[in-house]
C-alpha cells in the first residue's frame, strides 16, 4: 500500500498500466514457486532492531567525524570473517547489515560463509561489533543452538 502511494506521488498518478501487466505475472510466480523463509523467533526482533538503530547512529557519527578529520583514513584495509550462520538468508542479511557498522563494508560473501570486509580502521575493535551482530541474527533465525566458536 505504501509502495503504491509512493508510486502515485512520484509518477503524478500515471503509469498504472505497468502494474496491470506485472501483477498477474508476480502472482503466478508466487503461486508456482512460493518464497520459503527461514524460521524466525520474533521475540529477538526488538533487540536486533535496538542494535541496528544504535549502530546506525554510531555509523553516522563515525562518518561525520571522518569527514571532519580526514587523517583518520590512513588505517584502512581488508579483513576476512567466517560467519557461523548456516542459512543463506541469514548470511545475506548479515552481510548487508555489516555495512551499517561504523567503518565496515562487506566486499564479498563466499559460498562457505566467509565474508571479505573493507575496514576504515583496521586497528579498531571491529570483531566485537561483528560478533554481536552475528549473535543477534543467530538468535533471530533460531541458529544460536548450533553456534559453537572453535
Protein backbone atom coordinates (compact mmCIF):
# COMPACT_ATOMS: atom_id res chain seq x y z
CA UNK A 1 0.00 0.00 0.00
CA UNK A 2 2.82 2.39 0.90
CA UNK A 3 4.67 1.47 -2.30
CA UNK A 4 1.55 2.20 -4.36
CA UNK A 5 1.16 5.58 -2.66
CA UNK A 6 4.81 6.42 -3.33
CA UNK A 7 4.39 5.33 -6.96
CA UNK A 8 1.34 7.59 -7.32
CA UNK A 9 3.19 10.58 -5.87
CA UNK A 10 6.41 10.06 -7.83
CA UNK A 11 4.69 9.48 -11.20
CA UNK A 12 1.97 12.12 -10.82
CA UNK A 13 -0.59 9.30 -10.63
CA UNK A 14 0.31 7.86 -14.04
CA UNK A 15 1.94 4.63 -15.19
CA UNK A 16 -0.51 2.23 -13.55
CA UNK A 17 -0.53 0.11 -16.72
CA UNK A 18 2.83 -1.24 -15.63
CA UNK A 19 1.26 -2.77 -12.52
CA UNK A 20 -1.65 -4.16 -14.54
CA UNK A 21 0.86 -6.17 -16.61
CA UNK A 22 3.29 -7.15 -13.87
CA UNK A 23 0.87 -8.05 -11.05
CA UNK A 24 -0.55 -11.20 -12.71
CA UNK A 25 2.98 -12.38 -13.51
CA UNK A 26 4.08 -11.86 -9.90
CA UNK A 27 1.02 -13.66 -8.55
CA UNK A 28 1.60 -16.64 -10.86
CA UNK A 29 5.27 -16.72 -9.93
CA UNK A 30 4.45 -16.71 -6.22
CA UNK A 31 1.89 -19.49 -6.70
CA UNK A 32 4.30 -21.60 -8.79
CA UNK A 33 7.40 -21.02 -6.65
CA UNK A 34 6.45 -19.77 -3.18
CA UNK A 35 9.01 -17.86 -1.17
CA UNK A 36 10.29 -20.03 1.67
CA UNK A 37 11.57 -18.04 4.62
CA UNK A 38 13.60 -19.47 7.48
CA UNK A 39 12.08 -19.89 10.93
CA UNK A 40 12.21 -16.64 12.86
CA UNK A 41 11.93 -16.15 16.61
CA UNK A 42 10.17 -12.79 16.75
CA UNK A 43 10.97 -12.16 20.41
CA UNK A 44 14.55 -11.42 19.30
CA UNK A 45 13.50 -8.87 16.69
CA UNK A 46 13.35 -5.89 19.08
CA UNK A 47 16.89 -6.46 20.45
CA UNK A 48 18.15 -6.70 16.86
CA UNK A 49 16.27 -3.51 15.98
CA UNK A 50 17.83 -1.78 19.00
CA UNK A 51 21.31 -2.88 17.93
CA UNK A 52 20.51 -1.75 14.38
CA UNK A 53 19.40 1.73 15.50
CA UNK A 54 22.36 2.15 17.86
CA UNK A 55 24.81 1.16 15.12
CA UNK A 56 23.00 3.43 12.65
CA UNK A 57 23.61 6.44 14.91
CA UNK A 58 27.19 5.40 15.69
CA UNK A 59 27.89 4.87 11.98
CA UNK A 60 26.56 8.33 11.15
CA UNK A 61 28.69 9.92 13.85
CA UNK A 62 31.73 7.97 12.65
CA UNK A 63 31.27 9.13 9.06
CA UNK A 64 30.79 12.73 10.22
CA UNK A 65 33.98 12.50 12.29
CA UNK A 66 35.93 11.09 9.37
CA UNK A 67 34.63 13.85 7.09
CA UNK A 68 35.82 16.48 9.55
CA UNK A 69 39.16 14.76 10.26
CA UNK A 70 40.39 13.16 7.01
CA UNK A 71 43.65 11.97 8.60
CA UNK A 72 41.63 9.17 10.23
CA UNK A 73 41.55 7.32 6.87
CA UNK A 74 45.17 6.16 6.97
CA UNK A 75 44.43 2.81 8.68
CA UNK A 76 42.02 1.30 6.17
CA UNK A 77 42.35 -2.23 4.85
CA UNK A 78 40.67 -5.56 4.27
CA UNK A 79 39.86 -8.40 6.65
CA UNK A 80 38.07 -11.73 6.48
CA UNK A 81 35.40 -13.06 8.80
CA UNK A 82 34.00 -16.58 8.92
CA UNK A 83 30.32 -16.50 9.83
CA UNK A 84 28.72 -19.29 11.83
CA UNK A 85 25.28 -18.62 10.36
CA UNK A 86 24.18 -21.61 8.31
CA UNK A 87 21.16 -20.40 6.32
CA UNK A 88 21.76 -18.44 3.14
CA UNK A 89 19.08 -15.90 4.09
CA UNK A 90 20.73 -15.18 7.44
CA UNK A 91 24.15 -14.88 5.79
CA UNK A 92 22.84 -12.42 3.19
CA UNK A 93 21.13 -10.30 5.83
CA UNK A 94 24.29 -10.43 7.95
CA UNK A 95 26.45 -9.31 5.01
CA UNK A 96 24.06 -6.43 4.36
CA UNK A 97 23.85 -5.32 7.99
CA UNK A 98 27.63 -5.37 8.47
CA UNK A 99 27.83 -2.34 6.20
CA UNK A 100 25.82 -0.50 8.84
CA UNK A 101 28.55 -0.95 11.45
CA UNK A 102 30.85 2.06 11.81
CA UNK A 103 33.73 1.84 9.35
CA UNK A 104 32.86 -1.55 7.85
CA UNK A 105 31.54 -2.68 4.49
CA UNK A 106 31.04 -6.17 3.11
CA UNK A 107 33.00 -6.62 -0.11
CA UNK A 108 32.06 -10.23 -0.86
CA UNK A 109 30.27 -13.22 0.62
CA UNK A 110 31.74 -16.58 -0.35
CA UNK A 111 29.54 -19.70 -0.52
CA UNK A 112 31.13 -21.22 2.59
CA UNK A 113 30.08 -18.22 4.69
CA UNK A 114 33.40 -16.36 4.53
CA UNK A 115 33.00 -12.61 4.25
CA UNK A 116 35.58 -10.19 2.97
CA UNK A 117 35.23 -6.83 4.68
CA UNK A 118 36.66 -3.41 3.99
CA UNK A 119 37.54 -1.56 7.19
CA UNK A 120 38.22 2.14 7.54
CA UNK A 121 40.19 1.42 10.71
CA UNK A 122 41.88 -1.98 10.89
CA UNK A 123 43.07 -1.22 14.44
CA UNK A 124 39.53 -0.69 15.78
CA UNK A 125 37.71 -3.48 17.61
CA UNK A 126 35.52 -4.37 14.63
CA UNK A 127 35.44 -8.08 15.52
CA UNK A 128 33.42 -7.45 18.68
CA UNK A 129 30.77 -5.45 16.80
CA UNK A 130 30.53 -8.03 14.00
CA UNK A 131 30.24 -10.88 16.53
CA UNK A 132 27.48 -9.03 18.43
CA UNK A 133 25.53 -8.56 15.20
CA UNK A 134 26.05 -12.20 14.23
CA UNK A 135 24.81 -13.36 17.65
CA UNK A 136 21.65 -11.26 17.37
CA UNK A 137 20.91 -12.70 13.93
CA UNK A 138 21.61 -16.23 15.21
CA UNK A 139 19.03 -15.70 17.95
CA UNK A 140 16.51 -14.27 15.49
CA UNK A 141 16.93 -17.11 12.99
CA UNK A 142 16.98 -19.85 15.66
CA UNK A 143 20.61 -20.71 14.93
CA UNK A 144 22.02 -19.90 18.36
CA UNK A 145 21.83 -23.54 19.48
CA UNK A 146 24.18 -24.50 16.65
CA UNK A 147 26.70 -21.74 17.43
CA UNK A 148 29.95 -23.02 18.88
CA UNK A 149 33.07 -20.98 18.14
CA UNK A 150 36.10 -23.26 17.74
